[in-house]
C-alpha cells in the first residue's frame, strides 16, 4: 500500500482557518460522514478549556457551518460534532479521495493554514490523479509518499480474540464486559488475554 500525506489549504473553510484563529490548541477531525448537502465531522480539540466557549462561538458563527454540537468535554479535551455545508458556494474535497480509490488512514489534523490528510492507496496512479484534481482548486503540498508492503498488524490469534472482545462489548464505553468475565467466556487465562489485547 502507498501512503501519502497531503497538506491542503481549503480557502474560506473553517478547517484551514481555525488553527490560525486558535494557534495554541490542537484540532483533529477523527471521523466524518456525508449526509445530503452537508459533511458531518467529529472534531477533537485539545488545549486550554477556558477557550472552548470561544471556539464553539467562532465555529457556530461561520457561514460554512450549519450546526455545532458539543458531545463530550473532559478536562482540556473537547469533542464537537460539526455539520458543514456543501453546495456551489462551499466546496468539499474529501469525495475526491473516495471516488478515486484513496482511503483515510489517520485523523485529519489542522496545522497552520493547512488540513493534513493521511491517505492510502493500492496504486500510485490513484494518488497522482487526486493530486492533479486537487491542485486545480486548492493550494496543496505533498509532505510524504511511502510504500509499505502489507503486513498484518495482529497475529491470527490476536485478531480472533480482538474480534470476540469487540463483539462482547469490551471496547465499548462504558465496557459491557469485564476482563475477568471475558477471560471466563473465552476460556483464556486472564494474563494471556490481557497480553493479546
C-alpha atoms as a PDB file:
ATOM      1  CA  UNK A   1       0.000   0.000   0.000  1.00  0.00           C
ATOM      2  CA  UNK A   2       1.109   3.542  -0.746  1.00  0.00           C
ATOM      3  CA  UNK A   3       0.716   6.130   1.980  1.00  0.00           C
ATOM      4  CA  UNK A   4       0.577   9.816   1.091  1.00  0.00           C
ATOM      5  CA  UNK A   5       0.426  12.764   3.470  1.00  0.00           C
ATOM      6  CA  UNK A   6      -1.013  15.915   1.893  1.00  0.00           C
ATOM      7  CA  UNK A   7      -1.295  19.422   3.303  1.00  0.00           C
ATOM      8  CA  UNK A   8      -4.267  21.148   1.683  1.00  0.00           C
ATOM      9  CA  UNK A   9      -5.266  24.767   2.105  1.00  0.00           C
ATOM     10  CA  UNK A  10      -9.010  24.989   1.788  1.00  0.00           C
ATOM     11  CA  UNK A  11      -9.890  28.652   1.112  1.00  0.00           C
ATOM     12  CA  UNK A  12     -12.706  30.067   3.215  1.00  0.00           C
ATOM     13  CA  UNK A  13     -13.217  26.783   5.077  1.00  0.00           C
ATOM     14  CA  UNK A  14     -13.103  26.526   8.851  1.00  0.00           C
ATOM     15  CA  UNK A  15     -10.538  23.685   8.693  1.00  0.00           C
ATOM     16  CA  UNK A  16      -7.878  25.900   7.116  1.00  0.00           C
ATOM     17  CA  UNK A  17      -8.636  28.854   9.371  1.00  0.00           C
ATOM     18  CA  UNK A  18      -9.307  27.507  12.851  1.00  0.00           C
ATOM     19  CA  UNK A  19      -5.692  26.815  13.762  1.00  0.00           C
ATOM     20  CA  UNK A  20      -4.749  30.353  12.733  1.00  0.00           C
ATOM     21  CA  UNK A  21      -7.516  31.723  14.941  1.00  0.00           C
ATOM     22  CA  UNK A  22      -6.662  29.489  17.935  1.00  0.00           C
ATOM     23  CA  UNK A  23      -2.963  28.610  17.488  1.00  0.00           C
ATOM     24  CA  UNK A  24      -2.435  27.231  20.984  1.00  0.00           C
ATOM     25  CA  UNK A  25      -4.946  24.424  20.525  1.00  0.00           C
ATOM     26  CA  UNK A  26      -4.675  21.171  18.614  1.00  0.00           C
ATOM     27  CA  UNK A  27      -7.514  20.260  16.263  1.00  0.00           C
ATOM     28  CA  UNK A  28      -8.139  16.961  14.506  1.00  0.00           C
ATOM     29  CA  UNK A  29     -11.107  15.553  12.622  1.00  0.00           C
ATOM     30  CA  UNK A  30     -11.397  11.955  13.715  1.00  0.00           C
ATOM     31  CA  UNK A  31     -14.454  10.951  11.688  1.00  0.00           C
ATOM     32  CA  UNK A  32     -16.779  12.341   9.047  1.00  0.00           C
ATOM     33  CA  UNK A  33     -19.892  11.360   7.116  1.00  0.00           C
ATOM     34  CA  UNK A  34     -21.622  12.732   4.045  1.00  0.00           C
ATOM     35  CA  UNK A  35     -25.275  13.496   4.717  1.00  0.00           C
ATOM     36  CA  UNK A  36     -27.199  15.062   1.827  1.00  0.00           C
ATOM     37  CA  UNK A  37     -25.628  18.501   1.194  1.00  0.00           C
ATOM     38  CA  UNK A  38     -23.526  18.505   4.353  1.00  0.00           C
ATOM     39  CA  UNK A  39     -20.464  16.854   5.797  1.00  0.00           C
ATOM     40  CA  UNK A  40     -20.679  15.944   9.461  1.00  0.00           C
ATOM     41  CA  UNK A  41     -17.354  15.726  11.286  1.00  0.00           C
ATOM     42  CA  UNK A  42     -16.284  14.708  14.751  1.00  0.00           C
ATOM     43  CA  UNK A  43     -13.724  17.304  15.832  1.00  0.00           C
ATOM     44  CA  UNK A  44     -11.313  16.719  18.713  1.00  0.00           C
ATOM     45  CA  UNK A  45      -9.903  19.844  20.371  1.00  0.00           C
ATOM     46  CA  UNK A  46      -7.071  19.779  22.906  1.00  0.00           C
ATOM     47  CA  UNK A  47      -5.871  22.810  24.808  1.00  0.00           C
ATOM     48  CA  UNK A  48      -6.913  25.399  27.344  1.00  0.00           C
ATOM     49  CA  UNK A  49     -10.539  24.613  28.256  1.00  0.00           C
ATOM     50  CA  UNK A  50     -11.224  28.291  29.024  1.00  0.00           C
ATOM     51  CA  UNK A  51     -11.174  28.921  25.253  1.00  0.00           C
ATOM     52  CA  UNK A  52     -13.698  26.176  24.396  1.00  0.00           C
ATOM     53  CA  UNK A  53     -16.721  28.526  24.518  1.00  0.00           C
ATOM     54  CA  UNK A  54     -14.905  30.980  22.184  1.00  0.00           C
ATOM     55  CA  UNK A  55     -14.039  28.178  19.762  1.00  0.00           C
ATOM     56  CA  UNK A  56     -17.655  26.971  19.702  1.00  0.00           C
ATOM     57  CA  UNK A  57     -18.934  30.522  19.201  1.00  0.00           C
ATOM     58  CA  UNK A  58     -16.443  31.126  16.381  1.00  0.00           C
ATOM     59  CA  UNK A  59     -17.490  27.931  14.605  1.00  0.00           C
ATOM     60  CA  UNK A  60     -21.227  28.494  15.072  1.00  0.00           C
ATOM     61  CA  UNK A  61     -21.000  31.991  13.553  1.00  0.00           C
ATOM     62  CA  UNK A  62     -19.285  30.844  10.358  1.00  0.00           C
ATOM     63  CA  UNK A  63     -21.372  30.777   7.176  1.00  0.00           C
ATOM     64  CA  UNK A  64     -19.858  27.462   6.035  1.00  0.00           C
ATOM     65  CA  UNK A  65     -21.105  25.689   9.178  1.00  0.00           C
ATOM     66  CA  UNK A  66     -24.710  24.594   9.660  1.00  0.00           C
ATOM     67  CA  UNK A  67     -24.515  23.285  13.228  1.00  0.00           C
ATOM     68  CA  UNK A  68     -22.050  22.871  16.116  1.00  0.00           C
ATOM     69  CA  UNK A  69     -22.829  20.437  18.914  1.00  0.00           C
ATOM     70  CA  UNK A  70     -20.707  19.674  21.992  1.00  0.00           C
ATOM     71  CA  UNK A  71     -20.540  15.916  22.522  1.00  0.00           C
ATOM     72  CA  UNK A  72     -18.065  15.443  25.344  1.00  0.00           C
ATOM     73  CA  UNK A  73     -15.760  17.588  27.460  1.00  0.00           C
ATOM     74  CA  UNK A  74     -13.097  16.021  29.625  1.00  0.00           C
ATOM     75  CA  UNK A  75     -10.547  18.367  31.167  1.00  0.00           C
ATOM     76  CA  UNK A  76      -8.593  20.022  28.349  1.00  0.00           C
ATOM     77  CA  UNK A  77     -10.226  17.892  25.638  1.00  0.00           C
ATOM     78  CA  UNK A  78     -13.475  18.682  23.826  1.00  0.00           C
ATOM     79  CA  UNK A  79     -15.321  16.701  21.149  1.00  0.00           C
ATOM     80  CA  UNK A  80     -17.660  18.550  18.794  1.00  0.00           C
ATOM     81  CA  UNK A  81     -19.955  17.406  16.020  1.00  0.00           C
ATOM     82  CA  UNK A  82     -19.750  19.936  13.185  1.00  0.00           C
ATOM     83  CA  UNK A  83     -22.078  19.974  10.220  1.00  0.00           C
ATOM     84  CA  UNK A  84     -20.523  21.804   7.241  1.00  0.00           C
ATOM     85  CA  UNK A  85     -22.321  22.982   4.104  1.00  0.00           C
ATOM     86  CA  UNK A  86     -21.577  21.524   0.710  1.00  0.00           C
ATOM     87  CA  UNK A  87     -23.056  23.448  -2.196  1.00  0.00           C
ATOM     88  CA  UNK A  88     -21.932  25.693  -5.054  1.00  0.00           C
ATOM     89  CA  UNK A  89     -20.615  28.276  -2.559  1.00  0.00           C
ATOM     90  CA  UNK A  90     -18.927  25.858  -0.133  1.00  0.00           C
ATOM     91  CA  UNK A  91     -16.696  23.221  -1.681  1.00  0.00           C
ATOM     92  CA  UNK A  92     -15.508  19.965  -0.137  1.00  0.00           C
ATOM     93  CA  UNK A  93     -12.746  17.792  -1.494  1.00  0.00           C
ATOM     94  CA  UNK A  94     -12.899  14.606   0.579  1.00  0.00           C
ATOM     95  CA  UNK A  95     -15.141  12.991  -2.059  1.00  0.00           C
ATOM     96  CA  UNK A  96     -12.142  13.124  -4.456  1.00  0.00           C
ATOM     97  CA  UNK A  97     -10.450  10.582  -2.205  1.00  0.00           C
ATOM     98  CA  UNK A  98     -13.310   8.087  -2.142  1.00  0.00           C
ATOM     99  CA  UNK A  99     -14.119   8.471  -5.822  1.00  0.00           C
ATOM    100  CA  UNK A 100     -10.517   7.686  -6.773  1.00  0.00           C
ATOM    101  CA  UNK A 101      -9.637   4.730  -4.557  1.00  0.00           C
ATOM    102  CA  UNK A 102      -7.959   6.500  -1.642  1.00  0.00           C
ATOM    103  CA  UNK A 103      -8.802   5.707   1.978  1.00  0.00           C
ATOM    104  CA  UNK A 104      -8.223   7.859   5.023  1.00  0.00           C
ATOM    105  CA  UNK A 105      -5.622   6.272   7.283  1.00  0.00           C
ATOM    106  CA  UNK A 106      -5.464   8.760  10.162  1.00  0.00           C
ATOM    107  CA  UNK A 107      -7.406  11.672  11.626  1.00  0.00           C
ATOM    108  CA  UNK A 108      -7.149  14.913   9.667  1.00  0.00           C
ATOM    109  CA  UNK A 109      -5.011  17.410  11.564  1.00  0.00           C
ATOM    110  CA  UNK A 110      -5.102  21.167  11.259  1.00  0.00           C
ATOM    111  CA  UNK A 111      -1.621  22.684  11.091  1.00  0.00           C
ATOM    112  CA  UNK A 112      -1.231  26.405  10.475  1.00  0.00           C
ATOM    113  CA  UNK A 113      -3.390  27.118   7.412  1.00  0.00           C
ATOM    114  CA  UNK A 114      -3.391  23.514   6.192  1.00  0.00           C
ATOM    115  CA  UNK A 115      -5.532  20.448   6.657  1.00  0.00           C
ATOM    116  CA  UNK A 116      -3.164  17.473   6.871  1.00  0.00           C
ATOM    117  CA  UNK A 117      -4.674  14.365   5.279  1.00  0.00           C
ATOM    118  CA  UNK A 118      -3.048  10.920   5.605  1.00  0.00           C
ATOM    119  CA  UNK A 119      -4.304   8.663   2.820  1.00  0.00           C
ATOM    120  CA  UNK A 120      -3.662   5.190   1.491  1.00  0.00           C
ATOM    121  CA  UNK A 121      -3.934   3.674  -1.969  1.00  0.00           C
ATOM    122  CA  UNK A 122      -3.125   0.401  -3.648  1.00  0.00           C
ATOM    123  CA  UNK A 123      -1.579   2.265  -6.598  1.00  0.00           C
ATOM    124  CA  UNK A 124       0.420   5.453  -7.102  1.00  0.00           C
ATOM    125  CA  UNK A 125      -1.814   6.240 -10.072  1.00  0.00           C
ATOM    126  CA  UNK A 126      -4.740   6.995  -7.742  1.00  0.00           C
ATOM    127  CA  UNK A 127      -2.576   9.380  -5.733  1.00  0.00           C
ATOM    128  CA  UNK A 128      -1.381  11.175  -8.870  1.00  0.00           C
ATOM    129  CA  UNK A 129      -4.933  11.518 -10.165  1.00  0.00           C
ATOM    130  CA  UNK A 130      -6.229  13.008  -6.901  1.00  0.00           C
ATOM    131  CA  UNK A 131      -3.233  15.335  -6.722  1.00  0.00           C
ATOM    132  CA  UNK A 132      -3.984  16.643 -10.243  1.00  0.00           C
ATOM    133  CA  UNK A 133      -7.675  17.147  -9.401  1.00  0.00           C
ATOM    134  CA  UNK A 134      -6.963  18.947  -6.140  1.00  0.00           C
ATOM    135  CA  UNK A 135      -4.231  21.246  -7.408  1.00  0.00           C
ATOM    136  CA  UNK A 136      -6.712  22.794  -9.867  1.00  0.00           C
ATOM    137  CA  UNK A 137      -8.780  24.170  -6.975  1.00  0.00           C
ATOM    138  CA  UNK A 138      -6.641  24.165  -3.830  1.00  0.00           C
ATOM    139  CA  UNK A 139      -3.187  25.054  -2.626  1.00  0.00           C
ATOM    140  CA  UNK A 140      -1.516  21.804  -1.596  1.00  0.00           C
ATOM    141  CA  UNK A 141       1.815  20.213  -0.877  1.00  0.00           C
ATOM    142  CA  UNK A 142       2.939  16.622  -0.608  1.00  0.00           C
ATOM    143  CA  UNK A 143       4.505  16.019   2.804  1.00  0.00           C
ATOM    144  CA  UNK A 144       5.494  12.417   2.062  1.00  0.00           C
ATOM    145  CA  UNK A 145       4.776   9.354  -0.050  1.00  0.00           C
ATOM    146  CA  UNK A 146       5.866   5.958   1.208  1.00  0.00           C
ATOM    147  CA  UNK A 147       5.288   2.393   0.128  1.00  0.00           C
ATOM    148  CA  UNK A 148       4.552  -0.122   2.839  1.00  0.00           C
ATOM    149  CA  UNK A 149       4.226  -3.796   1.998  1.00  0.00           C
ATOM    150  CA  UNK A 150       1.091  -5.281   3.512  1.00  0.00           C
ATOM    151  CA  UNK A 151       1.822  -6.987   6.802  1.00  0.00           C
ATOM    152  CA  UNK A 152      -0.877  -7.884   9.267  1.00  0.00           C
ATOM    153  CA  UNK A 153      -0.507  -5.909  12.481  1.00  0.00           C
ATOM    154  CA  UNK A 154      -2.014  -8.705  14.546  1.00  0.00           C
ATOM    155  CA  UNK A 155      -1.334 -12.409  14.693  1.00  0.00           C
ATOM    156  CA  UNK A 156      -4.253 -14.647  13.769  1.00  0.00           C
ATOM    157  CA  UNK A 157      -4.852 -15.460  17.448  1.00  0.00           C
ATOM    158  CA  UNK A 158      -4.760 -11.774  18.438  1.00  0.00           C
ATOM    159  CA  UNK A 159      -7.188 -10.947  15.637  1.00  0.00           C
ATOM    160  CA  UNK A 160      -9.674 -13.624  16.723  1.00  0.00           C
ATOM    161  CA  UNK A 161      -9.505 -12.505  20.374  1.00  0.00           C
ATOM    162  CA  UNK A 162      -9.881  -8.858  19.355  1.00  0.00           C
ATOM    163  CA  UNK A 163     -12.979  -9.617  17.254  1.00  0.00           C
ATOM    164  CA  UNK A 164     -14.583 -11.633  20.055  1.00  0.00           C
ATOM    165  CA  UNK A 165     -13.782  -8.935  22.646  1.00  0.00           C
ATOM    166  CA  UNK A 166     -15.176  -6.286  20.324  1.00  0.00           C
ATOM    167  CA  UNK A 167     -18.457  -8.131  19.788  1.00  0.00           C
ATOM    168  CA  UNK A 168     -18.834  -8.823  23.515  1.00  0.00           C
ATOM    169  CA  UNK A 169     -18.529  -5.089  24.277  1.00  0.00           C
ATOM    170  CA  UNK A 170     -15.045  -4.926  25.813  1.00  0.00           C
ATOM    171  CA  UNK A 171     -14.182  -1.822  23.746  1.00  0.00           C
ATOM    172  CA  UNK A 172     -17.472  -0.001  24.362  1.00  0.00           C
ATOM    173  CA  UNK A 173     -17.615   2.842  26.848  1.00  0.00           C
ATOM    174  CA  UNK A 174     -18.614   2.059  29.470  1.00  0.00           C
ATOM    175  CA  UNK A 175     -17.428  -1.513  28.997  1.00  0.00           C
ATOM    176  CA  UNK A 176     -20.146  -4.130  28.598  1.00  0.00           C
ATOM    177  CA  UNK A 177     -17.897  -6.930  29.866  1.00  0.00           C
ATOM    178  CA  UNK A 178     -15.021  -7.004  32.362  1.00  0.00           C
ATOM    179  CA  UNK A 179     -11.658  -8.570  31.626  1.00  0.00           C
ATOM    180  CA  UNK A 180     -12.417 -11.295  34.200  1.00  0.00           C
ATOM    181  CA  UNK A 181     -15.761 -12.192  32.573  1.00  0.00           C
ATOM    182  CA  UNK A 182     -14.168 -12.022  29.105  1.00  0.00           C
ATOM    183  CA  UNK A 183     -11.402 -14.366  30.272  1.00  0.00           C
ATOM    184  CA  UNK A 184     -14.004 -16.844  31.566  1.00  0.00           C
ATOM    185  CA  UNK A 185     -16.181 -16.548  28.451  1.00  0.00           C
ATOM    186  CA  UNK A 186     -13.270 -17.140  26.053  1.00  0.00           C
ATOM    187  CA  UNK A 187     -11.681 -19.742  28.346  1.00  0.00           C
ATOM    188  CA  UNK A 188      -8.321 -17.982  28.223  1.00  0.00           C
ATOM    189  CA  UNK A 189      -6.207 -17.174  31.305  1.00  0.00           C
ATOM    190  CA  UNK A 190      -6.615 -13.514  32.235  1.00  0.00           C
ATOM    191  CA  UNK A 191      -2.898 -12.650  31.937  1.00  0.00           C
ATOM    192  CA  UNK A 192      -2.684 -14.265  28.466  1.00  0.00           C
ATOM    193  CA  UNK A 193      -5.843 -12.452  27.378  1.00  0.00           C
ATOM    194  CA  UNK A 194      -4.502  -9.087  28.605  1.00  0.00           C
ATOM    195  CA  UNK A 195      -1.237  -9.589  26.721  1.00  0.00           C
ATOM    196  CA  UNK A 196      -3.157 -10.324  23.497  1.00  0.00           C
ATOM    197  CA  UNK A 197      -5.493  -7.348  23.921  1.00  0.00           C
END
